[in-house]
Amino acid sequence: MSFGEGCAVVLASILVICLALFLVPALELWLWSLVMVTVFGAPVLTYWQMFALNWLCGLLFRSRVTVNNKK
């Protein structure tokens, strides 16, 4: 792999991570509005509130369990 190909891989990876970082809260916001607001009467959230909620839930509910498959 040449230097140019390595840079392209790194830039593509950064682009995918940035897209995921901003598209996941948008999908969750759409699902929140579709289900929680309609069914349960939960408050309507803004994009940045959902972004922060996504980040907070990631911190609070991240699994810290490691599995050792060595036998």
PDB file of N, CA and C in Angstrom:
ATOM      1  N   MET A   1       0.850  -1.170   0.000  1.00  0.00           N
ATOM      2  CA  MET A   1       0.000   0.000   0.000  1.00  0.00           C
ATOM      3  C   MET A   1       0.896   1.234   0.000  1.00  0.00           C
ATOM      4  N   SER A   2       0.644   2.116  -0.913  1.00  0.00           N
ATOM      5  CA  SER A   2       1.450   3.329  -1.007  1.00  0.00           C
ATOM      6  C   SER A   2       0.931   4.392  -0.039  1.00  0.00           C
ATOM      7  N   PHE A   3       1.704   5.466   0.094  1.00  0.00           N
ATOM      8  CA  PHE A   3       1.340   6.552   0.999  1.00  0.00           C
ATOM      9  C   PHE A   3      -0.001   7.179   0.608  1.00  0.00           C
ATOM     10  N   GLY A   4      -0.222   7.365  -0.685  1.00  0.00           N
ATOM     11  CA  GLY A   4      -1.472   7.965  -1.165  1.00  0.00           C
ATOM     12  C   GLY A   4      -2.681   7.103  -0.857  1.00  0.00           C
ATOM     13  N   GLU A   5      -2.522   5.798  -1.005  1.00  0.00           N
ATOM     14  CA  GLU A   5      -3.624   4.884  -0.688  1.00  0.00           C
ATOM     15  C   GLU A   5      -3.911   4.891   0.808  1.00  0.00           C
ATOM     16  N   GLY A   6      -2.868   4.962   1.617  1.00  0.00           N
ATOM     17  CA  GLY A   6      -3.049   5.015   3.066  1.00  0.00           C
ATOM     18  C   GLY A   6      -3.782   6.265   3.492  1.00  0.00           C
ATOM     19  N   CYS A   7      -3.437   7.399   2.884  1.00  0.00           N
ATOM     20  CA  CYS A   7      -4.122   8.657   3.180  1.00  0.00           C
ATOM     21  C   CYS A   7      -5.589   8.595   2.775  1.00  0.00           C
ATOM     22  N   ALA A   8      -5.860   7.967   1.639  1.00  0.00           N
ATOM     23  CA  ALA A   8      -7.239   7.839   1.176  1.00  0.00           C
ATOM     24  C   ALA A   8      -8.051   6.989   2.145  1.00  0.00           C
ATOM     25  N   VAL A   9      -7.457   5.930   2.657  1.00  0.00           N
ATOM     26  CA  VAL A   9      -8.147   5.063   3.619  1.00  0.00           C
ATOM     27  C   VAL A   9      -8.430   5.829   4.908  1.00  0.00           C
ATOM     28  N   VAL A  10      -7.444   6.580   5.376  1.00  0.00           N
ATOM     29  CA  VAL A  10      -7.623   7.360   6.606  1.00  0.00           C
ATOM     30  C   VAL A  10      -8.699   8.424   6.418  1.00  0.00           C
ATOM     31  N   LEU A  11      -8.673   9.138   5.296  1.00  0.00           N
ATOM     32  CA  LEU A  11      -9.682  10.169   5.038  1.00  0.00           C
ATOM     33  C   LEU A  11     -11.077   9.568   4.891  1.00  0.00           C
ATOM     34  N   ALA A  12     -11.174   8.436   4.218  1.00  0.00           N
ATOM     35  CA  ALA A  12     -12.470   7.764   4.083  1.00  0.00           C
ATOM     36  C   ALA A  12     -12.980   7.312   5.443  1.00  0.00           C
ATOM     37  N   SER A  13     -12.094   6.811   6.292  1.00  0.00           N
ATOM     38  CA  SER A  13     -12.495   6.380   7.629  1.00  0.00           C
ATOM     39  C   SER A  13     -12.994   7.554   8.459  1.00  0.00           C
ATOM     40  N   ILE A  14     -12.291   8.669   8.380  1.00  0.00           N
ATOM     41  CA  ILE A  14     -12.715   9.868   9.109  1.00  0.00           C
ATOM     42  C   ILE A  14     -14.073  10.341   8.615  1.00  0.00           C
ATOM     43  N   LEU A  15     -14.293  10.305   7.316  1.00  0.00           N
ATOM     44  CA  LEU A  15     -15.575  10.711   6.741  1.00  0.00           C
ATOM     45  C   LEU A  15     -16.711   9.809   7.219  1.00  0.00           C
ATOM     46  N   VAL A  16     -16.485   8.511   7.232  1.00  0.00           N
ATOM     47  CA  VAL A  16     -17.514   7.565   7.684  1.00  0.00           C
ATOM     48  C   VAL A  16     -17.828   7.785   9.159  1.00  0.00           C
ATOM     49  N   ILE A  17     -16.811   8.006   9.976  1.00  0.00           N
ATOM     50  CA  ILE A  17     -17.024   8.240  11.405  1.00  0.00           C
ATOM     51  C   ILE A  17     -17.817   9.527  11.626  1.00  0.00           C
ATOM     52  N   CYS A  18     -17.469  10.583  10.900  1.00  0.00           N
ATOM     53  CA  CYS A  18     -18.194  11.856  11.033  1.00  0.00           C
ATOM     54  C   CYS A  18     -19.640  11.723  10.573  1.00  0.00           C
ATOM     55  N   LEU A  19     -19.866  11.020   9.480  1.00  0.00           N
ATOM     56  CA  LEU A  19     -21.238  10.800   9.015  1.00  0.00           C
ATOM     57  C   LEU A  19     -22.036  10.019  10.049  1.00  0.00           C
ATOM     58  N   ALA A  20     -21.443   8.972  10.602  1.00  0.00           N
ATOM     59  CA  ALA A  20     -22.133   8.171  11.612  1.00  0.00           C
ATOM     60  C   ALA A  20     -22.407   9.008  12.858  1.00  0.00           C
ATOM     61  N   LEU A  21     -21.452   9.837  13.225  1.00  0.00           N
ATOM     62  CA  LEU A  21     -21.591  10.671  14.416  1.00  0.00           C
ATOM     63  C   LEU A  21     -22.789  11.605  14.306  1.00  0.00           C
ATOM     64  N   PHE A  22     -23.072  12.103  13.106  1.00  0.00           N
ATOM     65  CA  PHE A  22     -24.163  13.047  12.948  1.00  0.00           C
ATOM     66  C   PHE A  22     -25.445  12.429  12.385  1.00  0.00           C
ATOM     67  N   LEU A  23     -25.352  11.273  11.728  1.00  0.00           N
ATOM     68  CA  LEU A  23     -26.561  10.646  11.189  1.00  0.00           C
ATOM     69  C   LEU A  23     -27.286   9.775  12.216  1.00  0.00           C
ATOM     70  N   VAL A  24     -26.554   9.170  13.133  1.00  0.00           N
ATOM     71  CA  VAL A  24     -27.189   8.316  14.145  1.00  0.00           C
ATOM     72  C   VAL A  24     -28.157   9.120  15.011  1.00  0.00           C
ATOM     73  N   PRO A  25     -27.760  10.290  15.550  1.00  0.00           N
ATOM     74  CA  PRO A  25     -28.748  11.062  16.320  1.00  0.00           C
ATOM     75  C   PRO A  25     -29.946  11.514  15.481  1.00  0.00           C
ATOM     76  N   ALA A  26     -29.739  11.764  14.201  1.00  0.00           N
ATOM     77  CA  ALA A  26     -30.864  12.151  13.341  1.00  0.00           C
ATOM     78  C   ALA A  26     -31.854  10.997  13.198  1.00  0.00           C
ATOM     79  N   LEU A  27     -31.343   9.786  13.030  1.00  0.00           N
ATOM     80  CA  LEU A  27     -32.210   8.607  12.958  1.00  0.00           C
ATOM     81  C   LEU A  27     -32.931   8.397  14.284  1.00  0.00           C
ATOM     82  N   GLU A  28     -32.208   8.540  15.389  1.00  0.00           N
ATOM     83  CA  GLU A  28     -32.828   8.379  16.700  1.00  0.00           C
ATOM     84  C   GLU A  28     -33.873   9.457  16.967  1.00  0.00           C
ATOM     85  N   LEU A  29     -33.617  10.673  16.516  1.00  0.00           N
ATOM     86  CA  LEU A  29     -34.584  11.761  16.673  1.00  0.00           C
ATOM     87  C   LEU A  29     -35.861  11.447  15.899  1.00  0.00           C
ATOM     88  N   TRP A  30     -35.721  10.923  14.702  1.00  0.00           N
ATOM     89  CA  TRP A  30     -36.887  10.550  13.904  1.00  0.00           C
ATOM     90  C   TRP A  30     -37.680   9.439  14.606  1.00  0.00           C
ATOM     91  N   LEU A  31     -36.975   8.433  15.122  1.00  0.00           N
ATOM     92  CA  LEU A  31     -37.652   7.349  15.831  1.00  0.00           C
ATOM     93  C   LEU A  31     -38.309   7.847  17.118  1.00  0.00           C
ATOM     94  N   TRP A  32     -37.628   8.748  17.830  1.00  0.00           N
ATOM     95  CA  TRP A  32     -38.184   9.329  19.059  1.00  0.00           C
ATOM     96  C   TRP A  32     -39.506  10.037  18.744  1.00  0.00           C
ATOM     97  N   SER A  33     -39.484  10.862  17.706  1.00  0.00           N
ATOM     98  CA  SER A  33     -40.690  11.611  17.344  1.00  0.00           C
ATOM     99  C   SER A  33     -41.798  10.683  16.877  1.00  0.00           C
ATOM    100  N   LEU A  34     -41.424   9.644  16.172  1.00  0.00           N
ATOM    101  CA  LEU A  34     -42.409   8.707  15.648  1.00  0.00           C
ATOM    102  C   LEU A  34     -43.062   7.897  16.753  1.00  0.00           C
ATOM    103  N   VAL A  35     -42.305   7.439  17.721  1.00  0.00           N
ATOM    104  CA  VAL A  35     -42.826   6.528  18.738  1.00  0.00           C
ATOM    105  C   VAL A  35     -43.118   7.242  20.059  1.00  0.00           C
ATOM    106  N   MET A  36     -42.117   7.836  20.662  1.00  0.00           N
ATOM    107  CA  MET A  36     -42.254   8.352  22.029  1.00  0.00           C
ATOM    108  C   MET A  36     -43.232   9.525  22.108  1.00  0.00           C
ATOM    109  N   VAL A  37     -43.143  10.449  21.174  1.00  0.00           N
ATOM    110  CA  VAL A  37     -44.031  11.617  21.207  1.00  0.00           C
ATOM    111  C   VAL A  37     -45.457  11.200  20.867  1.00  0.00           C
ATOM    112  N   THR A  38     -45.592  10.376  19.849  1.00  0.00           N
ATOM    113  CA  THR A  38     -46.919   9.967  19.393  1.00  0.00           C
ATOM    114  C   THR A  38     -47.612   9.044  20.394  1.00  0.00           C
ATOM    115  N   VAL A  39     -46.907   8.036  20.861  1.00  0.00           N
ATOM    116  CA  VAL A  39     -47.535   7.018  21.700  1.00  0.00           C
ATOM    117  C   VAL A  39     -47.613   7.445  23.160  1.00  0.00           C
ATOM    118  N   PHE A  40     -46.517   7.981  23.696  1.00  0.00           N
ATOM    119  CA  PHE A  40     -46.450   8.262  25.125  1.00  0.00           C
ATOM    120  C   PHE A  40     -46.565   9.736  25.485  1.00  0.00           C
ATOM    121  N   GLY A  41     -46.591  10.610  24.512  1.00  0.00           N
ATOM    122  CA  GLY A  41     -46.698  12.040  24.790  1.00  0.00           C
ATOM    123  C   GLY A  41     -45.432  12.635  25.378  1.00  0.00           C
ATOM    124  N   ALA A  42     -44.289  12.041  25.074  1.00  0.00           N
ATOM    125  CA  ALA A  42     -43.001  12.553  25.552  1.00  0.00           C
ATOM    126  C   ALA A  42     -42.712  13.896  24.880  1.00  0.00           C
ATOM    127  N   PRO A  43     -41.845  14.703  25.477  1.00  0.00           N
ATOM    128  CA  PRO A  43     -41.549  16.009  24.869  1.00  0.00           C
ATOM    129  C   PRO A  43     -40.806  15.865  23.542  1.00  0.00           C
ATOM    130  N   VAL A  44     -41.031  16.824  22.671  1.00  0.00           N
ATOM    131  CA  VAL A  44     -40.330  16.866  21.395  1.00  0.00           C
ATOM    132  C   VAL A  44     -38.918  17.382  21.661  1.00  0.00           C
ATOM    133  N   LEU A  45     -37.909  16.691  21.115  1.00  0.00           N
ATOM    134  CA  LEU A  45     -36.518  17.062  21.316  1.00  0.00           C
ATOM    135  C   LEU A  45     -35.958  17.707  20.065  1.00  0.00           C
ATOM    136  N   THR A  46     -34.945  18.546  20.253  1.00  0.00           N
ATOM    137  CA  THR A  46     -34.222  19.111  19.116  1.00  0.00           C
ATOM    138  C   THR A  46     -33.100  18.145  18.731  1.00  0.00           C
ATOM    139  N   TYR A  47     -32.476  18.405  17.594  1.00  0.00           N
ATOM    140  CA  TYR A  47     -31.372  17.563  17.145  1.00  0.00           C
ATOM    141  C   TYR A  47     -30.240  17.556  18.161  1.00  0.00           C
ATOM    142  N   TRP A  48     -29.883  18.717  18.712  1.00  0.00           N
ATOM    143  CA  TRP A  48     -28.750  18.795  19.630  1.00  0.00           C
ATOM    144  C   TRP A  48     -29.077  18.171  20.979  1.00  0.00           C
ATOM    145  N   GLN A  49     -30.332  18.206  21.396  1.00  0.00           N
ATOM    146  CA  GLN A  49     -30.714  17.491  22.608  1.00  0.00           C
ATOM    147  C   GLN A  49     -30.573  15.982  22.405  1.00  0.00           C
ATOM    148  N   MET A  50     -30.969  15.498  21.232  1.00  0.00           N
ATOM    149  CA  MET A  50     -30.821  14.073  20.943  1.00  0.00           C
ATOM    150  C   MET A  50     -29.351  13.709  20.806  1.00  0.00           C
ATOM    151  N   PHE A  51     -28.540  14.572  20.228  1.00  0.00           N
ATOM    152  CA  PHE A  51     -27.100  14.340  20.120  1.00  0.00           C
ATOM    153  C   PHE A  51     -26.499  14.168  21.512  1.00  0.00           C
ATOM    154  N   ALA A  52     -26.865  15.077  22.440  1.00  0.00           N
ATOM    155  CA  ALA A  52     -26.358  15.000  23.812  1.00  0.00           C
ATOM    156  C   ALA A  52     -26.889  13.765  24.530  1.00  0.00           C
ATOM    157  N   LEU A  53     -28.150  13.417  24.308  1.00  0.00           N
ATOM    158  CA  LEU A  53     -28.731  12.222  24.926  1.00  0.00           C
ATOM    159  C   LEU A  53     -28.048  10.964  24.414  1.00  0.00           C
ATOM    160  N   ASN A  54     -27.745  10.934  23.131  1.00  0.00           N
ATOM    161  CA  ASN A  54     -27.031   9.797  22.544  1.00  0.00           C
ATOM    162  C   ASN A  54     -25.648   9.656  23.164  1.00  0.00           C
ATOM    163  N   TRP A  55     -24.950  10.753  23.316  1.00  0.00           N
ATOM    164  CA  TRP A  55     -23.618  10.753  23.924  1.00  0.00           C
ATOM    165  C   TRP A  55     -23.680  10.308  25.389  1.00  0.00           C
ATOM    166  N   LEU A  56     -24.668  10.843  26.127  1.00  0.00           N
ATOM    167  CA  LEU A  56     -24.816  10.510  27.534  1.00  0.00           C
ATOM    168  C   LEU A  56     -25.159   9.032  27.721  1.00  0.00           C
ATOM    169  N   CYS A  57     -26.063   8.519  26.914  1.00  0.00           N
ATOM    170  CA  CYS A  57     -26.416   7.092  27.008  1.00  0.00           C
ATOM    171  C   CYS A  57     -25.227   6.210  26.642  1.00  0.00           C
ATOM    172  N   GLY A  58     -24.430   6.654  25.696  1.00  0.00           N
ATOM    173  CA  GLY A  58     -23.228   5.910  25.357  1.00  0.00           C
ATOM    174  C   GLY A  58     -22.260   5.822  26.525  1.00  0.00           C
ATOM    175  N   LEU A  59     -22.146   6.901  27.289  1.00  0.00           N
ATOM    176  CA  LEU A  59     -21.280   6.892  28.468  1.00  0.00           C
ATOM    177  C   LEU A  59     -21.854   6.036  29.588  1.00  0.00           C
ATOM    178  N   LEU A  60     -23.155   6.154  29.812  1.00  0.00           N
ATOM    179  CA  LEU A  60     -23.764   5.475  30.948  1.00  0.00           C
ATOM    180  C   LEU A  60     -23.975   3.982  30.731  1.00  0.00           C
ATOM    181  N   PHE A  61     -24.308   3.585  29.524  1.00  0.00           N
ATOM    182  CA  PHE A  61     -24.702   2.206  29.285  1.00  0.00           C
ATOM    183  C   PHE A  61     -23.710   1.407  28.459  1.00  0.00           C
ATOM    184  N   ARG A  62     -22.513   1.922  28.270  1.00  0.00           N
ATOM    185  CA  ARG A  62     -21.480   1.204  27.534  1.00  0.00           C
ATOM    186  C   ARG A  62     -21.088  -0.043  28.308  1.00  0.00           C
ATOM    187  N   SER A  63     -20.929  -1.129  27.610  1.00  0.00           N
ATOM    188  CA  SER A  63     -20.534  -2.383  28.253  1.00  0.00           C
ATOM    189  C   SER A  63     -19.038  -2.362  28.530  1.00  0.00           C
ATOM    190  N   ARG A  64     -18.688  -2.663  29.754  1.00  0.00           N
ATOM    191  CA  ARG A  64     -17.286  -2.720  30.132  1.00  0.00           C
ATOM    192  C   ARG A  64     -16.830  -4.168  30.351  1.00  0.00           C
ATOM    193  N   VAL A  65     -17.619  -5.093  29.872  1.00  0.00           N
ATOM    194  CA  VAL A  65     -17.331  -6.510  30.040  1.00  0.00           C
ATOM    195  C   VAL A  65     -16.418  -6.956  28.913  1.00  0.00           C
ATOM    196  N   THR A  66     -15.356  -7.664  29.262  1.00  0.00           N
ATOM    197  CA  THR A  66     -14.486  -8.244  28.256  1.00  0.00           C
ATOM    198  C   THR A  66     -14.623  -9.753  28.319  1.00  0.00           C
ATOM    199  N   VAL A  67     -14.643 -10.361  27.172  1.00  0.00           N
ATOM    200  CA  VAL A  67     -14.799 -11.803  27.077  1.00  0.00           C
ATOM    201  C   VAL A  67     -13.483 -12.395  26.646  1.00  0.00           C
ATOM    202  N   ASN A  68     -13.012 -13.371  27.389  1.00  0.00           N
ATOM    203  CA  ASN A  68     -11.776 -14.056  27.073  1.00  0.00           C
ATOM    204  C   ASN A  68     -12.132 -15.435  26.520  1.00  0.00           C
ATOM    205  N   ASN A  69     -11.893 -15.637  25.230  1.00  0.00           N
ATOM    206  CA  ASN A  69     -12.262 -16.894  24.588  1.00  0.00           C
ATOM    207  C   ASN A  69     -11.115 -17.909  24.573  1.00  0.00           C
ATOM    208  N   LYS A  70     -10.064 -17.640  25.280  1.00  0.00           N
ATOM    209  CA  LYS A  70      -8.933 -18.586  25.306  1.00  0.00           C
ATOM    210  C   LYS A  70      -9.321 -19.817  26.109  1.00  0.00           C
ATOM    211  N   LYS A  71      -8.931 -20.963  25.593  1.00  0.00           N
ATOM    212  CA  LYS A  71      -9.244 -22.215  26.287  1.00  0.00           C
ATOM    213  C   LYS A  71      -7.989 -22.915  26.707  1.00  0.00           C
TER     214      LYS A  71
END
